[in-house]
Amino acid sequence: MSFTLTARKIIVALVPVLLLAGLAPESAHGADRPSAAELDKRIGAAARQLEVLVERYNDSREDLHATRMQTKHLGGQLGPMTRDLERRQKLMGGLVSRTYQRTRSGPTIALFAADEPHLFVDKLLVLHQLATEEQRAVTELHAARTRVYKARKMLNALADQQRRQQLRLRVGQATVEGEIAALKQMRAIAYAGGSRFGPDERIPMPEFVPGRPGKVLAFAFGQLGKPYRWGAAGPNSYDCSGLALAAWNAAGVGLPHNAARQYRAVAHVSRSELRPGDLVFFYGPISHVGVYIGSDKMIHAPEYGENVRVSSIDTQPIHGFGRPG
């Protein structure tokens, strides 16, 4: 598929990069070549746009997963509902047949055929009982039919929804892959496989953090140096929300694979209340998350082409803080 507007901007940004690398025609002038700082700025902006797309992809994937689970649950209910409807249909048929058997020629003729008053009353009581049973059966049969109809209608709606979500997912995947192809060329020329952040900052893990936060930190520190990979939640690579998800999953707490959804799923705390293991969310709308480790630092999967690393939480615009569990 064709690149999005963002992808086109990235390709446009590639032109001066290629000039700098000596891959452009001989007529290129030195004045056209961007500085190292400008290159870094452009690659940072491209990586930032890519991360937004990755989190949108993750959001669409979460939607599709929820729809599939709903479909599975409803599909499991439809079988028993259908069998219940069939049973009630047979029951209704049996009641109608029994009414005619007990009154021989049918209810109306049976009443007029009763010569004695007490026989008339007896048959009237029988008819009343049968009518009550039939009415109850009719009501329950109607309710069963309604349940089956609604379940089938909902399943059809969910199937349509899944098709739309799968299409969005495929488009999102193609878009992300297109962005990555452009960014990969930019990074290869500018950094030759290195990091735009420089050497990793190495700090020791806190000696003791009790409870779940301790497990979260132990996991997060164990992932340092592993590569960023979009849509990944381990064990060998991560994107930002995938790392937060995996870290808290190691402590027995489930989170969605999307930074904005994670923020909605956790208790919010202030900066003064931050403690190791909490999550720090960035930008608005939210599109990045890191695991807080104390001293205004976090472990996060920063962007495409980089590895899981320690960074200051103040290197990006903070949206808020959250505490899972």
C-alpha atoms as a PDB file:
ATOM      1  CA  MET A   1       0.000   0.000   0.000  1.00  0.00           C
ATOM      2  CA  SER A   2       1.122   3.641  -0.383  1.00  0.00           C
ATOM      3  CA  PHE A   3       2.783   5.381   2.541  1.00  0.00           C
ATOM      4  CA  THR A   4       0.778   7.692   4.744  1.00  0.00           C
ATOM      5  CA  LEU A   5       1.410  11.431   4.886  1.00  0.00           C
ATOM      6  CA  THR A   6       3.739  10.797   7.817  1.00  0.00           C
ATOM      7  CA  ALA A   7       5.696   8.254   5.801  1.00  0.00           C
ATOM      8  CA  ARG A   8       6.010  10.717   2.915  1.00  0.00           C
ATOM      9  CA  LYS A   9       7.414  13.306   5.320  1.00  0.00           C
ATOM     10  CA  ILE A  10       9.973  10.757   6.463  1.00  0.00           C
ATOM     11  CA  ILE A  11      10.976  10.021   2.878  1.00  0.00           C
ATOM     12  CA  VAL A  12      11.310  13.744   2.206  1.00  0.00           C
ATOM     13  CA  ALA A  13      13.528  13.933   5.275  1.00  0.00           C
ATOM     14  CA  LEU A  14      15.688  11.193   3.764  1.00  0.00           C
ATOM     15  CA  VAL A  15      16.806  13.382   0.870  1.00  0.00           C
ATOM     16  CA  PRO A  16      19.196  15.600   2.858  1.00  0.00           C
ATOM     17  CA  VAL A  17      20.406  12.516   4.703  1.00  0.00           C
ATOM     18  CA  LEU A  18      21.359  10.883   1.432  1.00  0.00           C
ATOM     19  CA  LEU A  19      23.065  14.074   0.393  1.00  0.00           C
ATOM     20  CA  LEU A  20      25.143  13.977   3.533  1.00  0.00           C
ATOM     21  CA  ALA A  21      26.060  10.361   2.899  1.00  0.00           C
ATOM     22  CA  GLY A  22      27.390  11.150  -0.562  1.00  0.00           C
ATOM     23  CA  LEU A  23      24.624   9.154  -2.255  1.00  0.00           C
ATOM     24  CA  ALA A  24      23.212  12.123  -4.141  1.00  0.00           C
ATOM     25  CA  PRO A  25      24.356  13.525  -7.503  1.00  0.00           C
ATOM     26  CA  GLU A  26      27.662  15.376  -7.732  1.00  0.00           C
ATOM     27  CA  SER A  27      25.853  18.704  -7.938  1.00  0.00           C
ATOM     28  CA  ALA A  28      24.820  18.602  -4.290  1.00  0.00           C
ATOM     29  CA  HIS A  29      26.148  21.599  -2.382  1.00  0.00           C
ATOM     30  CA  GLY A  30      27.511  21.485   1.141  1.00  0.00           C
ATOM     31  CA  ALA A  31      24.965  24.101   2.176  1.00  0.00           C
ATOM     32  CA  ASP A  32      22.193  21.551   1.560  1.00  0.00           C
ATOM     33  CA  ARG A  33      23.617  19.053   4.022  1.00  0.00           C
ATOM     34  CA  PRO A  34      21.954  18.998   7.433  1.00  0.00           C
ATOM     35  CA  SER A  35      24.054  19.111  10.575  1.00  0.00           C
ATOM     36  CA  ALA A  36      24.351  16.145  12.918  1.00  0.00           C
ATOM     37  CA  ALA A  37      22.025  17.924  15.361  1.00  0.00           C
ATOM     38  CA  GLU A  38      19.437  18.471  12.606  1.00  0.00           C
ATOM     39  CA  LEU A  39      19.666  14.823  11.579  1.00  0.00           C
ATOM     40  CA  ASP A  40      19.174  13.751  15.166  1.00  0.00           C
ATOM     41  CA  LYS A  41      16.156  16.037  15.456  1.00  0.00           C
ATOM     42  CA  ARG A  42      14.591  14.652  12.274  1.00  0.00           C
ATOM     43  CA  ILE A  43      15.161  11.042  13.258  1.00  0.00           C
ATOM     44  CA  GLY A  44      13.759  11.753  16.717  1.00  0.00           C
ATOM     45  CA  ALA A  45      10.611  13.277  15.186  1.00  0.00           C
ATOM     46  CA  ALA A  46      10.232  10.323  12.806  1.00  0.00           C
ATOM     47  CA  ALA A  47      10.680   7.830  15.645  1.00  0.00           C
ATOM     48  CA  ARG A  48       8.116   9.736  17.689  1.00  0.00           C
ATOM     49  CA  GLN A  49       5.569   9.578  14.857  1.00  0.00           C
ATOM     50  CA  LEU A  50       6.287   5.883  14.448  1.00  0.00           C
ATOM     51  CA  GLU A  51       5.622   5.215  18.122  1.00  0.00           C
ATOM     52  CA  VAL A  52       2.217   6.895  17.830  1.00  0.00           C
ATOM     53  CA  LEU A  53       1.386   4.556  14.938  1.00  0.00           C
ATOM     54  CA  VAL A  54       2.624   1.528  16.899  1.00  0.00           C
ATOM     55  CA  GLU A  55       0.384   2.382  19.851  1.00  0.00           C
ATOM     56  CA  ARG A  56      -2.571   2.850  17.504  1.00  0.00           C
ATOM     57  CA  TYR A  57      -1.820  -0.576  16.079  1.00  0.00           C
ATOM     58  CA  ASN A  58      -1.681  -2.009  19.615  1.00  0.00           C
ATOM     59  CA  ASP A  59      -5.010  -0.347  20.400  1.00  0.00           C
ATOM     60  CA  SER A  60      -6.647  -1.898  17.318  1.00  0.00           C
ATOM     61  CA  ARG A  61      -5.211  -5.286  18.279  1.00  0.00           C
ATOM     62  CA  GLU A  62      -6.703  -4.961  21.787  1.00  0.00           C
ATOM     63  CA  ASP A  63     -10.088  -4.125  20.234  1.00  0.00           C
ATOM     64  CA  LEU A  64      -9.923  -7.188  18.004  1.00  0.00           C
ATOM     65  CA  HIS A  65      -8.944  -9.430  20.924  1.00  0.00           C
ATOM     66  CA  ALA A  66     -11.901  -8.146  22.985  1.00  0.00           C
ATOM     67  CA  THR A  67     -14.296  -8.747  20.067  1.00  0.00           C
ATOM     68  CA  ARG A  68     -12.999 -12.275  19.576  1.00  0.00           C
ATOM     69  CA  MET A  69     -13.437 -13.070  23.264  1.00  0.00           C
ATOM     70  CA  GLN A  70     -16.980 -11.678  23.174  1.00  0.00           C
ATOM     71  CA  THR A  71     -17.748 -13.739  20.074  1.00  0.00           C
ATOM     72  CA  LYS A  72     -16.369 -16.885  21.703  1.00  0.00           C
ATOM     73  CA  HIS A  73     -18.431 -16.308  24.854  1.00  0.00           C
ATOM     74  CA  LEU A  74     -21.640 -15.605  22.948  1.00  0.00           C
ATOM     75  CA  GLY A  75     -21.038 -18.492  20.557  1.00  0.00           C
ATOM     76  CA  GLY A  76     -20.751 -20.814  23.546  1.00  0.00           C
ATOM     77  CA  GLN A  77     -24.121 -19.580  24.796  1.00  0.00           C
ATOM     78  CA  LEU A  78     -25.900 -19.932  21.453  1.00  0.00           C
ATOM     79  CA  GLY A  79     -25.754 -23.751  21.387  1.00  0.00           C
ATOM     80  CA  PRO A  80     -27.582 -24.223  24.724  1.00  0.00           C
ATOM     81  CA  MET A  81     -30.030 -21.450  23.780  1.00  0.00           C
ATOM     82  CA  THR A  82     -30.869 -23.185  20.500  1.00  0.00           C
ATOM     83  CA  ARG A  83     -31.323 -26.557  22.208  1.00  0.00           C
ATOM     84  CA  ASP A  84     -33.580 -24.930  24.812  1.00  0.00           C
ATOM     85  CA  LEU A  85     -35.673 -23.394  22.025  1.00  0.00           C
ATOM     86  CA  GLU A  86     -36.045 -26.772  20.291  1.00  0.00           C
ATOM     87  CA  ARG A  87     -37.060 -28.385  23.591  1.00  0.00           C
ATOM     88  CA  ARG A  88     -39.711 -25.743  24.197  1.00  0.00           C
ATOM     89  CA  GLN A  89     -41.059 -26.094  20.669  1.00  0.00           C
ATOM     90  CA  LYS A  90     -41.500 -29.827  21.231  1.00  0.00           C
ATOM     91  CA  LEU A  91     -43.099 -29.151  24.613  1.00  0.00           C
ATOM     92  CA  MET A  92     -45.568 -26.747  23.031  1.00  0.00           C
ATOM     93  CA  GLY A  93     -46.490 -29.305  20.397  1.00  0.00           C
ATOM     94  CA  GLY A  94     -46.986 -31.932  23.104  1.00  0.00           C
ATOM     95  CA  LEU A  95     -49.269 -29.635  25.123  1.00  0.00           C
ATOM     96  CA  VAL A  96     -51.503 -28.926  22.122  1.00  0.00           C
ATOM     97  CA  SER A  97     -51.697 -32.640  21.358  1.00  0.00           C
ATOM     98  CA  ARG A  98     -52.488 -33.456  24.999  1.00  0.00           C
ATOM     99  CA  THR A  99     -55.293 -30.900  25.096  1.00  0.00           C
ATOM    100  CA  TYR A 100     -57.082 -32.632  22.243  1.00  0.00           C
ATOM    101  CA  GLN A 101     -56.433 -36.069  23.678  1.00  0.00           C
ATOM    102  CA  ARG A 102     -57.897 -35.138  27.070  1.00  0.00           C
ATOM    103  CA  THR A 103     -60.933 -33.417  25.564  1.00  0.00           C
ATOM    104  CA  ARG A 104     -61.191 -35.871  22.646  1.00  0.00           C
ATOM    105  CA  SER A 105     -62.822 -33.654  20.027  1.00  0.00           C
ATOM    106  CA  GLY A 106     -61.259 -30.372  21.063  1.00  0.00           C
ATOM    107  CA  PRO A 107     -61.975 -27.910  23.872  1.00  0.00           C
ATOM    108  CA  THR A 108     -65.063 -26.148  22.523  1.00  0.00           C
ATOM    109  CA  ILE A 109     -66.910 -29.286  21.389  1.00  0.00           C
ATOM    110  CA  ALA A 110     -65.958 -31.014  24.643  1.00  0.00           C
ATOM    111  CA  LEU A 111     -67.716 -28.352  26.708  1.00  0.00           C
ATOM    112  CA  PHE A 112     -70.930 -28.465  24.724  1.00  0.00           C
ATOM    113  CA  ALA A 113     -70.894 -32.270  24.718  1.00  0.00           C
ATOM    114  CA  ALA A 114     -71.046 -32.415  28.533  1.00  0.00           C
ATOM    115  CA  ASP A 115     -74.596 -33.511  29.478  1.00  0.00           C
ATOM    116  CA  GLU A 116     -74.249 -33.233  33.236  1.00  0.00           C
ATOM    117  CA  PRO A 117     -73.417 -29.919  35.000  1.00  0.00           C
ATOM    118  CA  HIS A 118     -70.656 -31.449  37.113  1.00  0.00           C
ATOM    119  CA  LEU A 119     -69.052 -32.925  33.970  1.00  0.00           C
ATOM    120  CA  PHE A 120     -69.204 -29.455  32.416  1.00  0.00           C
ATOM    121  CA  VAL A 121     -67.455 -27.944  35.445  1.00  0.00           C
ATOM    122  CA  ASP A 122     -64.836 -30.724  35.500  1.00  0.00           C
ATOM    123  CA  LYS A 123     -64.032 -30.215  31.852  1.00  0.00           C
ATOM    124  CA  LEU A 124     -63.968 -26.463  32.343  1.00  0.00           C
ATOM    125  CA  LEU A 125     -61.373 -26.902  35.117  1.00  0.00           C
ATOM    126  CA  VAL A 126     -59.325 -29.221  32.897  1.00  0.00           C
ATOM    127  CA  LEU A 127     -59.442 -26.712  30.061  1.00  0.00           C
ATOM    128  CA  HIS A 128     -58.420 -23.912  32.389  1.00  0.00           C
ATOM    129  CA  GLN A 129     -55.422 -25.920  33.576  1.00  0.00           C
ATOM    130  CA  LEU A 130     -54.417 -26.799  30.030  1.00  0.00           C
ATOM    131  CA  ALA A 131     -54.862 -23.191  28.904  1.00  0.00           C
ATOM    132  CA  THR A 132     -52.640 -21.998  31.768  1.00  0.00           C
ATOM    133  CA  GLU A 133     -49.949 -24.519  30.890  1.00  0.00           C
ATOM    134  CA  GLU A 134     -50.145 -23.573  27.230  1.00  0.00           C
ATOM    135  CA  GLN A 135     -49.970 -19.856  28.002  1.00  0.00           C
ATOM    136  CA  ARG A 136     -46.903 -20.377  30.166  1.00  0.00           C
ATOM    137  CA  ALA A 137     -45.309 -22.519  27.459  1.00  0.00           C
ATOM    138  CA  VAL A 138     -46.117 -19.901  24.798  1.00  0.00           C
ATOM    139  CA  THR A 139     -44.528 -17.148  26.926  1.00  0.00           C
ATOM    140  CA  GLU A 140     -41.399 -19.199  27.591  1.00  0.00           C
ATOM    141  CA  LEU A 141     -41.180 -20.266  23.932  1.00  0.00           C
ATOM    142  CA  HIS A 142     -41.388 -16.625  22.840  1.00  0.00           C
ATOM    143  CA  ALA A 143     -38.661 -15.664  25.330  1.00  0.00           C
ATOM    144  CA  ALA A 144     -36.436 -18.508  24.090  1.00  0.00           C
ATOM    145  CA  ARG A 145     -36.938 -17.435  20.469  1.00  0.00           C
ATOM    146  CA  THR A 146     -36.072 -13.842  21.401  1.00  0.00           C
ATOM    147  CA  ARG A 147     -32.880 -14.938  23.152  1.00  0.00           C
ATOM    148  CA  VAL A 148     -31.738 -16.986  20.153  1.00  0.00           C
ATOM    149  CA  TYR A 149     -32.632 -14.188  17.716  1.00  0.00           C
ATOM    150  CA  LYS A 150     -30.717 -11.575  19.726  1.00  0.00           C
ATOM    151  CA  ALA A 151     -27.703 -13.868  20.131  1.00  0.00           C
ATOM    152  CA  ARG A 152     -27.560 -14.581  16.385  1.00  0.00           C
ATOM    153  CA  LYS A 153     -27.983 -10.890  15.594  1.00  0.00           C
ATOM    154  CA  MET A 154     -25.191  -9.990  18.012  1.00  0.00           C
ATOM    155  CA  LEU A 155     -22.902 -12.660  16.529  1.00  0.00           C
ATOM    156  CA  ASN A 156     -23.499 -11.272  13.038  1.00  0.00           C
ATOM    157  CA  ALA A 157     -22.737  -7.751  14.296  1.00  0.00           C
ATOM    158  CA  LEU A 158     -19.563  -8.994  15.994  1.00  0.00           C
ATOM    159  CA  ALA A 159     -18.497 -10.751  12.799  1.00  0.00           C
ATOM    160  CA  ASP A 160     -18.882  -7.468  10.883  1.00  0.00           C
ATOM    161  CA  GLN A 161     -16.983  -5.641  13.614  1.00  0.00           C
ATOM    162  CA  GLN A 162     -14.169  -8.186  13.466  1.00  0.00           C
ATOM    163  CA  ARG A 163     -13.845  -7.747   9.707  1.00  0.00           C
ATOM    164  CA  ARG A 164     -13.536  -3.972  10.130  1.00  0.00           C
ATOM    165  CA  GLN A 165     -11.010  -4.370  12.970  1.00  0.00           C
ATOM    166  CA  GLN A 166      -8.933  -6.855  10.978  1.00  0.00           C
ATOM    167  CA  LEU A 167      -8.865  -4.436   8.056  1.00  0.00           C
ATOM    168  CA  ARG A 168      -7.710  -1.605  10.344  1.00  0.00           C
ATOM    169  CA  LEU A 169      -5.071  -3.932  11.768  1.00  0.00           C
ATOM    170  CA  ARG A 170      -3.752  -4.868   8.322  1.00  0.00           C
ATOM    171  CA  VAL A 171      -3.666  -1.218   7.252  1.00  0.00           C
ATOM    172  CA  GLY A 172      -1.959  -0.281  10.529  1.00  0.00           C
ATOM    173  CA  GLN A 173       0.605  -3.023  10.110  1.00  0.00           C
ATOM    174  CA  ALA A 174       1.418  -1.984   6.540  1.00  0.00           C
ATOM    175  CA  THR A 175       1.709   1.641   7.632  1.00  0.00           C
ATOM    176  CA  VAL A 176       4.047   0.828  10.516  1.00  0.00           C
ATOM    177  CA  GLU A 177       6.198  -1.377   8.313  1.00  0.00           C
ATOM    178  CA  GLY A 178       6.432   1.411   5.733  1.00  0.00           C
ATOM    179  CA  GLU A 179       7.483   3.884   8.422  1.00  0.00           C
ATOM    180  CA  ILE A 180      10.084   1.440   9.723  1.00  0.00           C
ATOM    181  CA  ALA A 181      11.577   0.929   6.264  1.00  0.00           C
ATOM    182  CA  ALA A 182      12.136   4.673   5.900  1.00  0.00           C
ATOM    183  CA  LEU A 183      13.388   5.148   9.447  1.00  0.00           C
ATOM    184  CA  LYS A 184      15.769   2.206   9.120  1.00  0.00           C
ATOM    185  CA  GLN A 185      17.504   3.890   6.190  1.00  0.00           C
ATOM    186  CA  MET A 186      17.760   7.160   8.087  1.00  0.00           C
ATOM    187  CA  ARG A 187      19.232   5.493  11.148  1.00  0.00           C
ATOM    188  CA  ALA A 188      21.691   3.369   9.170  1.00  0.00           C
ATOM    189  CA  ILE A 189      23.125   6.474   7.521  1.00  0.00           C
ATOM    190  CA  ALA A 190      23.138   8.680  10.602  1.00  0.00           C
ATOM    191  CA  TYR A 191      24.233   6.255  13.334  1.00  0.00           C
ATOM    192  CA  ALA A 192      25.691   3.236  11.527  1.00  0.00           C
ATOM    193  CA  GLY A 193      23.870   0.921  13.904  1.00  0.00           C
ATOM    194  CA  GLY A 194      24.596   2.943  17.040  1.00  0.00           C
ATOM    195  CA  SER A 195      22.258   4.752  19.409  1.00  0.00           C
ATOM    196  CA  ARG A 196      21.193   8.354  19.131  1.00  0.00           C
ATOM    197  CA  PHE A 197      21.089   8.447  22.940  1.00  0.00           C
ATOM    198  CA  GLY A 198      24.753   7.594  23.415  1.00  0.00           C
ATOM    199  CA  PRO A 199      26.037   4.980  25.929  1.00  0.00           C
ATOM    200  CA  ASP A 200      23.503   3.279  28.186  1.00  0.00           C
ATOM    201  CA  GLU A 201      23.266   4.625  31.694  1.00  0.00           C
ATOM    202  CA  ARG A 202      23.972   1.802  34.119  1.00  0.00           C
ATOM    203  CA  ILE A 203      22.562   2.083  37.605  1.00  0.00           C
ATOM    204  CA  PRO A 204      22.188  -0.671  40.198  1.00  0.00           C
ATOM    205  CA  MET A 205      18.822  -2.099  41.072  1.00  0.00           C
ATOM    206  CA  PRO A 206      17.534  -0.991  44.489  1.00  0.00           C
ATOM    207  CA  GLU A 207      18.675  -3.442  47.167  1.00  0.00           C
ATOM    208  CA  PHE A 208      15.177  -4.285  48.391  1.00  0.00           C
ATOM    209  CA  VAL A 209      11.721  -3.351  47.179  1.00  0.00           C
ATOM    210  CA  PRO A 210       8.953  -5.372  48.849  1.00  0.00           C
ATOM    211  CA  GLY A 211       5.950  -7.036  47.249  1.00  0.00           C
ATOM    212  CA  ARG A 212       4.848  -6.749  43.658  1.00  0.00           C
ATOM    213  CA  PRO A 213       6.912  -3.624  42.849  1.00  0.00           C
ATOM    214  CA  GLY A 214      10.060  -5.606  43.682  1.00  0.00           C
ATOM    215  CA  LYS A 215       9.113  -8.267  41.126  1.00  0.00           C
ATOM    216  CA  VAL A 216       8.340  -5.563  38.561  1.00  0.00           C
ATOM    217  CA  LEU A 217      11.754  -3.953  39.059  1.00  0.00           C
ATOM    218  CA  ALA A 218      13.605  -7.261  38.960  1.00  0.00           C
ATOM    219  CA  PHE A 219      11.933  -8.058  35.649  1.00  0.00           C
ATOM    220  CA  ALA A 220      12.492  -4.602  34.150  1.00  0.00           C
ATOM    221  CA  PHE A 221      16.192  -4.566  35.065  1.00  0.00           C
ATOM    222  CA  GLY A 222      16.500  -8.001  33.483  1.00  0.00           C
ATOM    223  CA  GLN A 223      15.329  -6.645  30.123  1.00  0.00           C
ATOM    224  CA  LEU A 224      17.950  -3.875  29.809  1.00  0.00           C
ATOM    225  CA  GLY A 225      19.708  -4.022  26.460  1.00  0.00           C
ATOM    226  CA  LYS A 226      16.976  -5.966  24.658  1.00  0.00           C
ATOM    227  CA  PRO A 227      15.868  -4.403  21.359  1.00  0.00           C
ATOM    228  CA  TYR A 228      12.745  -2.375  20.662  1.00  0.00           C
ATOM    229  CA  ARG A 229      10.351  -4.213  18.389  1.00  0.00           C
ATOM    230  CA  TRP A 230       6.918  -2.861  17.559  1.00  0.00           C
ATOM    231  CA  GLY A 231       4.001  -4.917  18.878  1.00  0.00           C
ATOM    232  CA  ALA A 232       6.318  -7.057  21.037  1.00  0.00           C
ATOM    233  CA  ALA A 233       5.846  -7.954  24.705  1.00  0.00           C
ATOM    234  CA  GLY A 234       8.870 -10.208  25.194  1.00  0.00           C
ATOM    235  CA  PRO A 235      10.666 -12.269  25.960  1.00  0.00           C
ATOM    236  CA  ASN A 236      13.371 -11.127  23.526  1.00  0.00           C
ATOM    237  CA  SER A 237      12.128  -7.674  22.481  1.00  0.00           C
ATOM    238  CA  TYR A 238       9.549  -5.056  23.463  1.00  0.00           C
ATOM    239  CA  ASP A 239       7.756  -1.905  22.530  1.00  0.00           C
ATOM    240  CA  CYS A 240       7.027   0.582  25.322  1.00  0.00           C
ATOM    241  CA  SER A 241       3.631  -0.715  26.437  1.00  0.00           C
ATOM    242  CA  GLY A 242       4.755  -4.305  25.864  1.00  0.00           C
ATOM    243  CA  LEU A 243       7.553  -3.831  28.406  1.00  0.00           C
ATOM    244  CA  ALA A 244       5.186  -2.310  31.002  1.00  0.00           C
ATOM    245  CA  LEU A 245       2.710  -5.131  30.404  1.00  0.00           C
ATOM    246  CA  ALA A 246       5.348  -7.848  30.768  1.00  0.00           C
ATOM    247  CA  ALA A 247       6.899  -6.283  33.889  1.00  0.00           C
ATOM    248  CA  TRP A 248       3.614  -6.155  35.751  1.00  0.00           C
ATOM    249  CA  ASN A 249       2.560  -9.540  34.408  1.00  0.00           C
ATOM    250  CA  ALA A 250       5.665 -10.915  36.140  1.00  0.00           C
ATOM    251  CA  ALA A 251       4.116  -9.644  39.376  1.00  0.00           C
ATOM    252  CA  GLY A 252       0.742 -11.257  38.602  1.00  0.00           C
ATOM    253  CA  VAL A 253      -1.069  -8.137  37.376  1.00  0.00           C
ATOM    254  CA  GLY A 254      -2.572  -8.046  33.875  1.00  0.00           C
ATOM    255  CA  LEU A 255      -2.494  -4.928  31.699  1.00  0.00           C
ATOM    256  CA  PRO A 256      -3.597  -4.211  28.119  1.00  0.00           C
ATOM    257  CA  HIS A 257      -0.963  -3.823  25.415  1.00  0.00           C
ATOM    258  CA  ASN A 258      -1.487  -0.113  24.821  1.00  0.00           C
ATOM    259  CA  ALA A 259      -0.171   2.839  26.835  1.00  0.00           C
ATOM    260  CA  ALA A 260      -3.434   4.823  26.845  1.00  0.00           C
ATOM    261  CA  ARG A 261      -5.435   1.751  27.901  1.00  0.00           C
ATOM    262  CA  GLN A 262      -2.906   1.059  30.640  1.00  0.00           C
ATOM    263  CA  TYR A 263      -3.364   4.574  31.991  1.00  0.00           C
ATOM    264  CA  ARG A 264      -7.134   4.041  32.128  1.00  0.00           C
ATOM    265  CA  ALA A 265      -6.652   0.681  33.872  1.00  0.00           C
ATOM    266  CA  VAL A 266      -4.441   1.849  36.768  1.00  0.00           C
ATOM    267  CA  ALA A 267      -4.852   4.017  39.854  1.00  0.00           C
ATOM    268  CA  HIS A 268      -3.476   7.506  39.237  1.00  0.00           C
ATOM    269  CA  VAL A 269      -0.893   8.999  41.593  1.00  0.00           C
ATOM    270  CA  SER A 270       0.930  12.315  41.777  1.00  0.00           C
ATOM    271  CA  ARG A 271       4.630  12.789  41.144  1.00  0.00           C
ATOM    272  CA  SER A 272       5.236  13.244  44.856  1.00  0.00           C
ATOM    273  CA  GLU A 273       3.624   9.843  45.465  1.00  0.00           C
ATOM    274  CA  LEU A 274       5.754   7.995  42.894  1.00  0.00           C
ATOM    275  CA  ARG A 275       7.453   4.834  44.053  1.00  0.00           C
ATOM    276  CA  PRO A 276       9.490   2.198  42.195  1.00  0.00           C
ATOM    277  CA  GLY A 277       7.364  -0.016  39.981  1.00  0.00           C
ATOM    278  CA  ASP A 278       4.842   2.698  39.116  1.00  0.00           C
ATOM    279  CA  LEU A 279       4.256   3.587  35.473  1.00  0.00           C
ATOM    280  CA  VAL A 280       5.017   6.959  33.895  1.00  0.00           C
ATOM    281  CA  PHE A 281       2.919   8.005  30.896  1.00  0.00           C
ATOM    282  CA  PHE A 282       3.928  10.533  28.254  1.00  0.00           C
ATOM    283  CA  TYR A 283       2.436  12.852  25.643  1.00  0.00           C
ATOM    284  CA  GLY A 284      -1.174  13.746  24.976  1.00  0.00           C
ATOM    285  CA  PRO A 285      -2.828  11.677  23.675  1.00  0.00           C
ATOM    286  CA  ILE A 286      -0.788   9.106  25.601  1.00  0.00           C
ATOM    287  CA  SER A 287       1.597   7.161  23.368  1.00  0.00           C
ATOM    288  CA  HIS A 288       4.558   6.187  25.559  1.00  0.00           C
ATOM    289  CA  VAL A 289       5.075   4.546  28.959  1.00  0.00           C
ATOM    290  CA  GLY A 290       8.006   3.599  31.171  1.00  0.00           C
ATOM    291  CA  VAL A 291       8.573   1.716  34.454  1.00  0.00           C
ATOM    292  CA  TYR A 292       9.654   4.049  37.256  1.00  0.00           C
ATOM    293  CA  ILE A 293      12.739   2.870  39.191  1.00  0.00           C
ATOM    294  CA  GLY A 294      13.295   5.814  41.538  1.00  0.00           C
ATOM    295  CA  SER A 295      15.422   8.992  41.528  1.00  0.00           C
ATOM    296  CA  ASP A 296      13.369  10.443  38.622  1.00  0.00           C
ATOM    297  CA  LYS A 297      14.489   7.602  36.349  1.00  0.00           C
ATOM    298  CA  MET A 298      12.685   4.872  34.441  1.00  0.00           C
ATOM    299  CA  ILE A 299      13.334   1.763  32.377  1.00  0.00           C
ATOM    300  CA  HIS A 300      11.599   1.875  28.999  1.00  0.00           C
ATOM    301  CA  ALA A 301      11.723   0.698  25.405  1.00  0.00           C
ATOM    302  CA  PRO A 302      12.383   4.113  23.870  1.00  0.00           C
ATOM    303  CA  GLU A 303      11.861   3.799  20.109  1.00  0.00           C
ATOM    304  CA  TYR A 304      12.628   1.808  16.976  1.00  0.00           C
ATOM    305  CA  GLY A 305      16.346   1.149  16.561  1.00  0.00           C
ATOM    306  CA  GLU A 306      17.083   1.462  20.280  1.00  0.00           C
ATOM    307  CA  ASN A 307      17.338  -0.989  23.173  1.00  0.00           C
ATOM    308  CA  VAL A 308      15.567  -1.091  26.522  1.00  0.00           C
ATOM    309  CA  ARG A 309      17.433   1.416  28.672  1.00  0.00           C
ATOM    310  CA  VAL A 310      17.416   3.689  31.708  1.00  0.00           C
ATOM    311  CA  SER A 311      16.378   7.307  31.080  1.00  0.00           C
ATOM    312  CA  SER A 312      15.254  10.340  33.034  1.00  0.00           C
ATOM    313  CA  ILE A 313      11.485  10.682  33.166  1.00  0.00           C
ATOM    314  CA  ASP A 314      11.910  14.360  32.260  1.00  0.00           C
ATOM    315  CA  THR A 315      13.232  13.749  28.753  1.00  0.00           C
ATOM    316  CA  GLN A 316       9.654  13.621  27.394  1.00  0.00           C
ATOM    317  CA  PRO A 317       6.449  15.513  28.243  1.00  0.00           C
ATOM    318  CA  ILE A 318       4.810  13.697  31.162  1.00  0.00           C
ATOM    319  CA  HIS A 319       1.075  13.053  30.983  1.00  0.00           C
ATOM    320  CA  GLY A 320       0.639  11.332  34.334  1.00  0.00           C
ATOM    321  CA  PHE A 321       1.588   8.521  36.690  1.00  0.00           C
ATOM    322  CA  GLY A 322      -0.141   5.241  37.503  1.00  0.00           C
ATOM    323  CA  ARG A 323       0.028   2.346  39.925  1.00  0.00           C
ATOM    324  CA  PRO A 324      -1.250  -1.056  38.702  1.00  0.00           C
ATOM    325  CA  GLY A 325      -2.697  -3.620  41.060  1.00  0.00           C
END
